C-alpha atoms as a PDB file:
ATOM      1  CA  MET A   1       9.156  10.061 -28.218  1.00  0.00           C
ATOM      2  CA  ARG A   2      12.910   9.659 -28.039  1.00  0.00           C
ATOM      3  CA  THR A   3      13.834  11.647 -24.966  1.00  0.00           C
ATOM      4  CA  ASN A   4      17.546  10.908 -25.372  1.00  0.00           C
ATOM      5  CA  MET A   5      17.492  13.222 -28.412  1.00  0.00           C
ATOM      6  CA  LEU A   6      15.935  16.164 -26.516  1.00  0.00           C
ATOM      7  CA  THR A   7      17.790  18.904 -24.678  1.00  0.00           C
ATOM      8  CA  LEU A   8      17.247  19.308 -20.953  1.00  0.00           C
ATOM      9  CA  TYR A   9      15.268  22.472 -21.685  1.00  0.00           C
ATOM     10  CA  GLU A  10      12.964  20.568 -24.053  1.00  0.00           C
ATOM     11  CA  ILE A  11      12.442  17.773 -21.522  1.00  0.00           C
ATOM     12  CA  ARG A  12      11.650  20.310 -18.786  1.00  0.00           C
ATOM     13  CA  THR A  13       9.191  22.140 -21.074  1.00  0.00           C
ATOM     14  CA  ILE A  14       7.413  18.961 -22.202  1.00  0.00           C
ATOM     15  CA  GLY A  15       7.294  17.707 -18.620  1.00  0.00           C
ATOM     16  CA  PHE A  16       5.758  20.904 -17.305  1.00  0.00           C
ATOM     17  CA  GLU A  17       3.201  20.906 -20.135  1.00  0.00           C
ATOM     18  CA  ALA A  18       2.243  17.343 -19.142  1.00  0.00           C
ATOM     19  CA  LEU A  19       1.852  18.406 -15.517  1.00  0.00           C
ATOM     20  CA  VAL A  20      -0.388  21.330 -16.502  1.00  0.00           C
ATOM     21  CA  ARG A  21      -2.435  19.081 -18.779  1.00  0.00           C
ATOM     22  CA  GLU A  22      -2.957  16.430 -16.068  1.00  0.00           C
ATOM     23  CA  LEU A  23      -3.091  18.555 -12.897  1.00  0.00           C
ATOM     24  CA  GLY A  24      -4.110  21.972 -14.165  1.00  0.00           C
ATOM     25  CA  PRO A  25      -1.995  25.094 -13.630  1.00  0.00           C
ATOM     26  CA  ALA A  26      -2.438  25.291  -9.853  1.00  0.00           C
ATOM     27  CA  GLY A  27      -1.783  21.576  -9.356  1.00  0.00           C
ATOM     28  CA  ALA A  28       1.326  21.721 -11.544  1.00  0.00           C
ATOM     29  CA  VAL A  29       2.747  24.596  -9.495  1.00  0.00           C
ATOM     30  CA  ARG A  30       1.969  22.779  -6.226  1.00  0.00           C
ATOM     31  CA  PHE A  31       3.757  19.696  -7.553  1.00  0.00           C
ATOM     32  CA  ILE A  32       6.851  21.709  -8.524  1.00  0.00           C
ATOM     33  CA  GLN A  33       6.902  23.465  -5.139  1.00  0.00           C
ATOM     34  CA  GLN A  34       7.437  20.122  -3.425  1.00  0.00           C
ATOM     35  CA  TYR A  35      10.906  19.971  -4.938  1.00  0.00           C
ATOM     36  CA  GLU A  36      12.315  23.348  -3.985  1.00  0.00           C
ATOM     37  CA  ARG A  37      15.513  23.199  -1.987  1.00  0.00           C
ATOM     38  CA  GLY A  38      14.403  24.957   1.160  1.00  0.00           C
ATOM     39  CA  HIS A  39      16.749  26.335   3.788  1.00  0.00           C
ATOM     40  CA  GLY A  40      17.772  26.001   7.405  1.00  0.00           C
ATOM     41  CA  ASP A  41      18.500  22.944   9.506  1.00  0.00           C
ATOM     42  CA  TYR A  42      15.495  20.629   9.293  1.00  0.00           C
ATOM     43  CA  THR A  43      16.744  18.309  12.042  1.00  0.00           C
ATOM     44  CA  GLN A  44      17.278  21.120  14.535  1.00  0.00           C
ATOM     45  CA  GLU A  45      13.899  22.712  13.711  1.00  0.00           C
ATOM     46  CA  ARG A  46      12.143  19.354  14.012  1.00  0.00           C
ATOM     47  CA  ARG A  47      13.674  18.709  17.422  1.00  0.00           C
ATOM     48  CA  SER A  48      12.588  22.110  18.687  1.00  0.00           C
ATOM     49  CA  LEU A  49       9.025  21.791  17.337  1.00  0.00           C
ATOM     50  CA  LEU A  50       8.137  18.215  18.226  1.00  0.00           C
ATOM     51  CA  PRO A  51       7.688  17.091  21.808  1.00  0.00           C
ATOM     52  CA  LYS A  52      10.065  14.458  23.127  1.00  0.00           C
ATOM     53  CA  LYS A  53       8.034  11.284  23.549  1.00  0.00           C
ATOM     54  CA  SER A  54       8.994   7.673  23.995  1.00  0.00           C
ATOM     55  CA  VAL A  55       7.770   4.991  21.618  1.00  0.00           C
ATOM     56  CA  GLY A  56       5.369   3.834  24.336  1.00  0.00           C
ATOM     57  CA  GLU A  57       3.905   7.307  24.736  1.00  0.00           C
ATOM     58  CA  VAL A  58       3.378   7.618  20.993  1.00  0.00           C
ATOM     59  CA  GLY A  59       1.702   4.198  20.904  1.00  0.00           C
ATOM     60  CA  ARG A  60      -0.642   5.088  23.761  1.00  0.00           C
ATOM     61  CA  GLN A  61      -1.548   8.357  22.062  1.00  0.00           C
ATOM     62  CA  ILE A  62      -2.361   6.509  18.834  1.00  0.00           C
ATOM     63  CA  LEU A  63      -4.582   4.062  20.691  1.00  0.00           C
ATOM     64  CA  ARG A  64      -6.357   6.951  22.474  1.00  0.00           C
ATOM     65  CA  GLU A  65      -6.923   8.742  19.162  1.00  0.00           C
ATOM     66  CA  ARG A  66      -8.270   5.594  17.520  1.00  0.00           C
ATOM     67  CA  GLY A  67     -10.561   4.963  20.446  1.00  0.00           C
ATOM     68  CA  THR A  68     -12.197   8.361  20.168  1.00  0.00           C
ATOM     69  CA  LYS A  69     -12.863   7.987  16.442  1.00  0.00           C
ATOM     70  CA  LYS A  70     -15.109   4.895  16.753  1.00  0.00           C
END
């Protein structure tokens, strides 16, 4: 298929049909939802949601978590 001859609408339509064919309708929608623009200030929200930990604290937590999974 020569995609350089297709309009953007045609490419979008063919692409979505391929997604539906390979992932099913629900999977295709989930895939598309990953690329929506979103809103707000991600950096500010992230800082307010995540605890402030040093690299050492994160490392110790990882080792603790791995130790409990054995």
